[in-house]
PDB file of N, CA and C in Angstrom:
ATOM      1  N   MET A   1       7.129 -11.344 -13.489  1.00  0.00           N
ATOM      2  CA  MET A   1       5.878 -10.860 -12.325  1.00  0.00           C
ATOM      3  C   MET A   1       7.389 -10.263 -11.120  1.00  0.00           C
ATOM      4  N   LYS A   2       7.076  -9.052 -10.994  1.00  0.00           N
ATOM      5  CA  LYS A   2       8.127  -8.069  -9.901  1.00  0.00           C
ATOM      6  C   LYS A   2       7.822  -8.847  -8.476  1.00  0.00           C
ATOM      7  N   SER A   3       9.120  -8.951  -7.976  1.00  0.00           N
ATOM      8  CA  SER A   3       9.522  -9.351  -6.632  1.00  0.00           C
ATOM      9  C   SER A   3       9.193  -8.691  -5.503  1.00  0.00           C
ATOM     10  N   ARG A   4       9.705  -7.380  -6.191  1.00  0.00           N
ATOM     11  CA  ARG A   4      10.184  -6.345  -5.008  1.00  0.00           C
ATOM     12  C   ARG A   4       8.784  -5.356  -5.335  1.00  0.00           C
ATOM     13  N   PHE A   5       8.865  -4.171  -4.163  1.00  0.00           N
ATOM     14  CA  PHE A   5       8.284  -3.377  -4.248  1.00  0.00           C
ATOM     15  C   PHE A   5       8.478  -1.932  -5.119  1.00  0.00           C
ATOM     16  N   ASP A   6       7.810  -1.750  -5.657  1.00  0.00           N
ATOM     17  CA  ASP A   6       8.009  -0.370  -7.137  1.00  0.00           C
ATOM     18  C   ASP A   6       6.406   0.237  -6.560  1.00  0.00           C
ATOM     19  N   TYR A   7       6.952   1.604  -6.741  1.00  0.00           N
ATOM     20  CA  TYR A   7       6.183   2.915  -6.318  1.00  0.00           C
ATOM     21  C   TYR A   7       5.207   2.912  -7.476  1.00  0.00           C
ATOM     22  N   ASP A   8       5.350   2.310  -8.517  1.00  0.00           N
ATOM     23  CA  ASP A   8       4.295   2.156 -10.102  1.00  0.00           C
ATOM     24  C   ASP A   8       3.219   1.164  -9.516  1.00  0.00           C
ATOM     25  N   MET A   9       3.151  -0.150  -8.471  1.00  0.00           N
ATOM     26  CA  MET A   9       3.048  -0.739  -7.796  1.00  0.00           C
ATOM     27  C   MET A   9       1.484  -0.042  -7.427  1.00  0.00           C
ATOM     28  N   THR A  10       0.153  -0.935  -7.652  1.00  0.00           N
ATOM     29  CA  THR A  10      -0.930  -0.228  -7.025  1.00  0.00           C
ATOM     30  C   THR A  10      -1.341  -0.866  -5.718  1.00  0.00           C
ATOM     31  N   MET A  11      -2.446  -0.441  -4.829  1.00  0.00           N
ATOM     32  CA  MET A  11      -1.940  -0.821  -3.482  1.00  0.00           C
ATOM     33  C   MET A  11      -2.892  -2.216  -3.760  1.00  0.00           C
ATOM     34  N   ASP A  12      -3.284  -2.263  -4.384  1.00  0.00           N
ATOM     35  CA  ASP A  12      -4.167  -3.955  -4.650  1.00  0.00           C
ATOM     36  C   ASP A  12      -2.768  -4.628  -4.878  1.00  0.00           C
ATOM     37  N   THR A  13      -2.276  -4.444  -5.878  1.00  0.00           N
ATOM     38  CA  THR A  13      -1.394  -5.464  -6.209  1.00  0.00           C
ATOM     39  C   THR A  13       0.023  -5.327  -4.929  1.00  0.00           C
ATOM     40  N   ILE A  14       0.225  -4.909  -4.077  1.00  0.00           N
ATOM     41  CA  ILE A  14       0.843  -4.580  -3.199  1.00  0.00           C
ATOM     42  C   ILE A  14      -0.014  -5.582  -1.826  1.00  0.00           C
ATOM     43  N   MET A  15      -0.938  -5.387  -2.133  1.00  0.00           N
ATOM     44  CA  MET A  15      -1.966  -6.126  -0.575  1.00  0.00           C
ATOM     45  C   MET A  15      -2.055  -7.905  -1.118  1.00  0.00           C
ATOM     46  N   ARG A  16      -1.845  -7.840  -2.503  1.00  0.00           N
ATOM     47  CA  ARG A  16      -2.329  -9.720  -3.281  1.00  0.00           C
ATOM     48  C   ARG A  16      -1.128 -10.474  -2.872  1.00  0.00           C
ATOM     49  N   ARG A  17       0.053  -9.354  -3.485  1.00  0.00           N
ATOM     50  CA  ARG A  17       1.471  -9.757  -3.749  1.00  0.00           C
ATOM     51  C   ARG A  17       2.116 -10.364  -2.004  1.00  0.00           C
ATOM     52  N   TRP A  18       1.739  -9.386  -0.740  1.00  0.00           N
ATOM     53  CA  TRP A  18       2.459  -9.076   0.701  1.00  0.00           C
ATOM     54  C   TRP A  18       1.328  -9.187   1.145  1.00  0.00           C
ATOM     55  N   PRO A  19       0.534  -9.958   1.520  1.00  0.00           N
ATOM     56  CA  PRO A  19      -1.472 -10.129   2.350  1.00  0.00           C
ATOM     57  C   PRO A  19      -0.182  -9.435   3.821  1.00  0.00           C
ATOM     58  N   GLY A  20       0.178  -9.599   4.442  1.00  0.00           N
ATOM     59  CA  GLY A  20       0.924  -9.287   5.492  1.00  0.00           C
ATOM     60  C   GLY A  20       1.334  -7.539   5.357  1.00  0.00           C
ATOM     61  N   SER A  21       1.373  -6.618   4.339  1.00  0.00           N
ATOM     62  CA  SER A  21       0.867  -5.741   4.196  1.00  0.00           C
ATOM     63  C   SER A  21      -0.351  -4.929   4.213  1.00  0.00           C
ATOM     64  N   ILE A  22      -1.361  -5.495   4.547  1.00  0.00           N
ATOM     65  CA  ILE A  22      -3.195  -5.295   4.939  1.00  0.00           C
ATOM     66  C   ILE A  22      -2.779  -4.777   6.239  1.00  0.00           C
ATOM     67  N   ARG A  23      -2.437  -5.401   7.547  1.00  0.00           N
ATOM     68  CA  ARG A  23      -2.020  -4.971   8.815  1.00  0.00           C
ATOM     69  C   ARG A  23      -1.617  -3.589   8.414  1.00  0.00           C
ATOM     70  N   VAL A  24      -0.521  -3.401   7.797  1.00  0.00           N
ATOM     71  CA  VAL A  24       0.341  -2.010   7.468  1.00  0.00           C
ATOM     72  C   VAL A  24      -0.882  -0.558   7.357  1.00  0.00           C
ATOM     73  N   ILE A  25      -1.587  -1.518   6.067  1.00  0.00           N
ATOM     74  CA  ILE A  25      -2.712  -0.417   5.662  1.00  0.00           C
ATOM     75  C   ILE A  25      -3.678  -0.028   6.501  1.00  0.00           C
ATOM     76  N   LEU A  26      -4.190  -1.034   6.967  1.00  0.00           N
ATOM     77  CA  LEU A  26      -5.288  -0.079   8.203  1.00  0.00           C
ATOM     78  C   LEU A  26      -4.830   0.005   9.039  1.00  0.00           C
ATOM     79  N   GLY A  27      -3.961  -0.374   9.356  1.00  0.00           N
ATOM     80  CA  GLY A  27      -3.082   0.199  10.732  1.00  0.00           C
ATOM     81  C   GLY A  27      -2.684   1.819  10.721  1.00  0.00           C
ATOM     82  N   HIS A  28      -2.539   2.214   9.363  1.00  0.00           N
ATOM     83  CA  HIS A  28      -2.403   3.676   8.956  1.00  0.00           C
ATOM     84  C   HIS A  28      -4.064   4.635   8.519  1.00  0.00           C
ATOM     85  N   GLY A  29      -5.225   3.918   8.702  1.00  0.00           N
ATOM     86  CA  GLY A  29      -6.446   4.587   8.705  1.00  0.00           C
ATOM     87  C   GLY A  29      -6.688   4.368   7.199  1.00  0.00           C
ATOM     88  N   LEU A  30      -5.960   3.371   6.418  1.00  0.00           N
ATOM     89  CA  LEU A  30      -6.838   3.417   4.889  1.00  0.00           C
ATOM     90  C   LEU A  30      -7.719   2.412   4.900  1.00  0.00           C
ATOM     91  N   LEU A  31      -8.480   2.022   4.373  1.00  0.00           N
ATOM     92  CA  LEU A  31      -9.522   1.120   3.884  1.00  0.00           C
ATOM     93  C   LEU A  31      -9.385   0.672   2.505  1.00  0.00           C
ATOM     94  N   CYS A  32      -8.208   0.150   1.859  1.00  0.00           N
ATOM     95  CA  CYS A  32      -8.068   0.073   0.591  1.00  0.00           C
ATOM     96  C   CYS A  32      -8.394  -1.231   0.702  1.00  0.00           C
ATOM     97  N   VAL A  33      -8.327  -2.072   1.501  1.00  0.00           N
ATOM     98  CA  VAL A  33      -9.232  -3.625   0.999  1.00  0.00           C
ATOM     99  C   VAL A  33     -11.062  -3.403   0.591  1.00  0.00           C
ATOM    100  N   GLY A  34     -11.091  -3.970  -0.329  1.00  0.00           N
ATOM    101  CA  GLY A  34     -12.142  -4.019  -1.070  1.00  0.00           C
ATOM    102  C   GLY A  34     -12.527  -2.592  -1.541  1.00  0.00           C
ATOM    103  N   CYS A  35     -11.666  -2.286  -1.153  1.00  0.00           N
ATOM    104  CA  CYS A  35     -12.019  -0.326  -1.808  1.00  0.00           C
ATOM    105  C   CYS A  35     -11.944  -0.810  -3.681  1.00  0.00           C
ATOM    106  N   PRO A  36     -12.820  -0.177  -4.380  1.00  0.00           N
ATOM    107  CA  PRO A  36     -12.509  -0.140  -5.933  1.00  0.00           C
ATOM    108  C   PRO A  36     -11.461   0.460  -6.397  1.00  0.00           C
ATOM    109  N   ILE A  37     -10.747   1.257  -5.830  1.00  0.00           N
ATOM    110  CA  ILE A  37      -9.919   2.059  -6.240  1.00  0.00           C
ATOM    111  C   ILE A  37      -8.440   1.778  -6.146  1.00  0.00           C
ATOM    112  N   ALA A  38      -8.280   0.714  -5.213  1.00  0.00           N
ATOM    113  CA  ALA A  38      -7.359   0.256  -4.786  1.00  0.00           C
ATOM    114  C   ALA A  38      -6.584  -0.143  -5.824  1.00  0.00           C
ATOM    115  N   SER A  39      -6.932  -0.620  -7.448  1.00  0.00           N
ATOM    116  CA  SER A  39      -6.952  -1.415  -8.441  1.00  0.00           C
ATOM    117  C   SER A  39      -6.151  -0.248  -9.119  1.00  0.00           C
ATOM    118  N   PHE A  40      -6.205   1.289  -8.592  1.00  0.00           N
ATOM    119  CA  PHE A  40      -5.832   2.020  -9.123  1.00  0.00           C
ATOM    120  C   PHE A  40      -4.210   2.912  -8.248  1.00  0.00           C
ATOM    121  N   HIS A  41      -5.099   3.251  -7.449  1.00  0.00           N
ATOM    122  CA  HIS A  41      -3.920   3.814  -6.605  1.00  0.00           C
ATOM    123  C   HIS A  41      -2.575   3.591  -6.302  1.00  0.00           C
ATOM    124  N   THR A  42      -1.634   4.279  -6.484  1.00  0.00           N
ATOM    125  CA  THR A  42      -0.125   3.966  -5.909  1.00  0.00           C
ATOM    126  C   THR A  42       0.047   4.205  -4.828  1.00  0.00           C
ATOM    127  N   VAL A  43       1.472   3.750  -4.021  1.00  0.00           N
ATOM    128  CA  VAL A  43       1.317   4.683  -2.586  1.00  0.00           C
ATOM    129  C   VAL A  43       0.933   5.503  -2.160  1.00  0.00           C
ATOM    130  N   MET A  44       1.906   6.301  -3.239  1.00  0.00           N
ATOM    131  CA  MET A  44       1.797   8.152  -3.234  1.00  0.00           C
ATOM    132  C   MET A  44      -0.105   8.499  -3.398  1.00  0.00           C
ATOM    133  N   ASP A  45      -0.576   7.881  -4.341  1.00  0.00           N
ATOM    134  CA  ASP A  45      -1.940   8.174  -4.687  1.00  0.00           C
ATOM    135  C   ASP A  45      -2.565   7.887  -3.023  1.00  0.00           C
ATOM    136  N   ALA A  46      -2.383   7.313  -2.245  1.00  0.00           N
ATOM    137  CA  ALA A  46      -3.396   6.075  -1.121  1.00  0.00           C
ATOM    138  C   ALA A  46      -2.734   7.892  -0.105  1.00  0.00           C
ATOM    139  N   ALA A  47      -1.528   7.937   0.194  1.00  0.00           N
ATOM    140  CA  ALA A  47      -1.301   8.694   1.148  1.00  0.00           C
ATOM    141  C   ALA A  47      -1.912  10.043   0.552  1.00  0.00           C
ATOM    142  N   ARG A  48      -1.532  10.415  -0.688  1.00  0.00           N
ATOM    143  CA  ARG A  48      -2.069  11.931  -0.737  1.00  0.00           C
ATOM    144  C   ARG A  48      -3.384  12.166  -0.725  1.00  0.00           C
ATOM    145  N   GLU A  49      -4.297  10.831  -0.698  1.00  0.00           N
ATOM    146  CA  GLU A  49      -5.291  11.186  -0.933  1.00  0.00           C
ATOM    147  C   GLU A  49      -5.908  11.246   0.483  1.00  0.00           C
ATOM    148  N   HIS A  50      -5.389  10.458   1.211  1.00  0.00           N
ATOM    149  CA  HIS A  50      -5.756  10.193   3.022  1.00  0.00           C
ATOM    150  C   HIS A  50      -4.670  11.048   3.921  1.00  0.00           C
ATOM    151  N   SER A  51      -4.076  12.081   3.537  1.00  0.00           N
ATOM    152  CA  SER A  51      -2.450  13.195   3.731  1.00  0.00           C
ATOM    153  C   SER A  51      -2.108  12.217   5.091  1.00  0.00           C
ATOM    154  N   LEU A  52      -1.434  11.718   4.117  1.00  0.00           N
ATOM    155  CA  LEU A  52      -0.450  10.715   4.916  1.00  0.00           C
ATOM    156  C   LEU A  52       1.171  11.001   4.652  1.00  0.00           C
ATOM    157  N   ASP A  53       1.843  10.489   5.170  1.00  0.00           N
ATOM    158  CA  ASP A  53       3.427  10.543   5.443  1.00  0.00           C
ATOM    159  C   ASP A  53       3.792   9.959   4.634  1.00  0.00           C
ATOM    160  N   GLU A  54       4.242  10.132   2.708  1.00  0.00           N
ATOM    161  CA  GLU A  54       4.391   8.398   1.936  1.00  0.00           C
ATOM    162  C   GLU A  54       5.275   8.022   3.019  1.00  0.00           C
ATOM    163  N   ASP A  55       6.560   8.464   2.552  1.00  0.00           N
ATOM    164  CA  ASP A  55       7.660   7.665   3.542  1.00  0.00           C
ATOM    165  C   ASP A  55       7.963   7.086   4.543  1.00  0.00           C
ATOM    166  N   MET A  56       6.784   7.087   5.504  1.00  0.00           N
ATOM    167  CA  MET A  56       6.590   6.309   6.817  1.00  0.00           C
ATOM    168  C   MET A  56       5.313   5.516   5.982  1.00  0.00           C
ATOM    169  N   LEU A  57       4.521   5.575   5.373  1.00  0.00           N
ATOM    170  CA  LEU A  57       3.904   4.519   5.143  1.00  0.00           C
ATOM    171  C   LEU A  57       4.896   3.510   4.362  1.00  0.00           C
ATOM    172  N   VAL A  58       5.402   3.539   3.394  1.00  0.00           N
ATOM    173  CA  VAL A  58       6.506   2.946   2.053  1.00  0.00           C
ATOM    174  C   VAL A  58       7.510   2.536   3.915  1.00  0.00           C
ATOM    175  N   ASP A  59       7.602   3.220   4.483  1.00  0.00           N
ATOM    176  CA  ASP A  59       8.665   2.432   5.008  1.00  0.00           C
ATOM    177  C   ASP A  59       8.533   0.627   5.973  1.00  0.00           C
ATOM    178  N   ASP A  60       6.751   1.172   6.373  1.00  0.00           N
ATOM    179  CA  ASP A  60       5.994   0.090   7.219  1.00  0.00           C
ATOM    180  C   ASP A  60       5.675  -0.566   6.321  1.00  0.00           C
ATOM    181  N   LEU A  61       5.640  -0.216   5.411  1.00  0.00           N
ATOM    182  CA  LEU A  61       5.067  -1.469   3.911  1.00  0.00           C
ATOM    183  C   LEU A  61       5.986  -2.127   3.647  1.00  0.00           C
ATOM    184  N   THR A  62       7.290  -1.510   3.718  1.00  0.00           N
ATOM    185  CA  THR A  62       8.626  -2.625   3.121  1.00  0.00           C
ATOM    186  C   THR A  62       8.900  -3.553   4.260  1.00  0.00           C
ATOM    187  N   LYS A  63       8.891  -3.103   5.396  1.00  0.00           N
ATOM    188  CA  LYS A  63       8.914  -3.771   6.842  1.00  0.00           C
ATOM    189  C   LYS A  63       8.154  -5.022   6.765  1.00  0.00           C
ATOM    190  N   ALA A  64       6.838  -4.999   5.958  1.00  0.00           N
ATOM    191  CA  ALA A  64       5.651  -5.469   6.582  1.00  0.00           C
ATOM    192  C   ALA A  64       6.115  -6.817   5.110  1.00  0.00           C
ATOM    193  N   MET A  65       6.588  -5.878   4.122  1.00  0.00           N
ATOM    194  CA  MET A  65       7.311  -7.457   3.036  1.00  0.00           C
ATOM    195  C   MET A  65       8.371  -8.165   3.330  1.00  0.00           C
ATOM    196  N   LYS A  66       8.910  -8.196   4.039  1.00  0.00           N
ATOM    197  CA  LYS A  66      10.181  -9.074   4.795  1.00  0.00           C
ATOM    198  C   LYS A  66       9.931 -10.151   4.673  1.00  0.00           C
TER     199      LYS A  66
END
């Protein structure tokens, strides 16, 4: 089991592994919580789909994961 963030992880995996990331995800306007696509979308996919800065999203998520 991976214990560190990996760009291949899905949004669902991130939220399950690091529940504190949910606040960050919602704060960025993403509705991944409960979304059936969250089990397929990576951070890059979600950022692109919602026109977000991927680097900023990753930075905020990694801070929440600590």
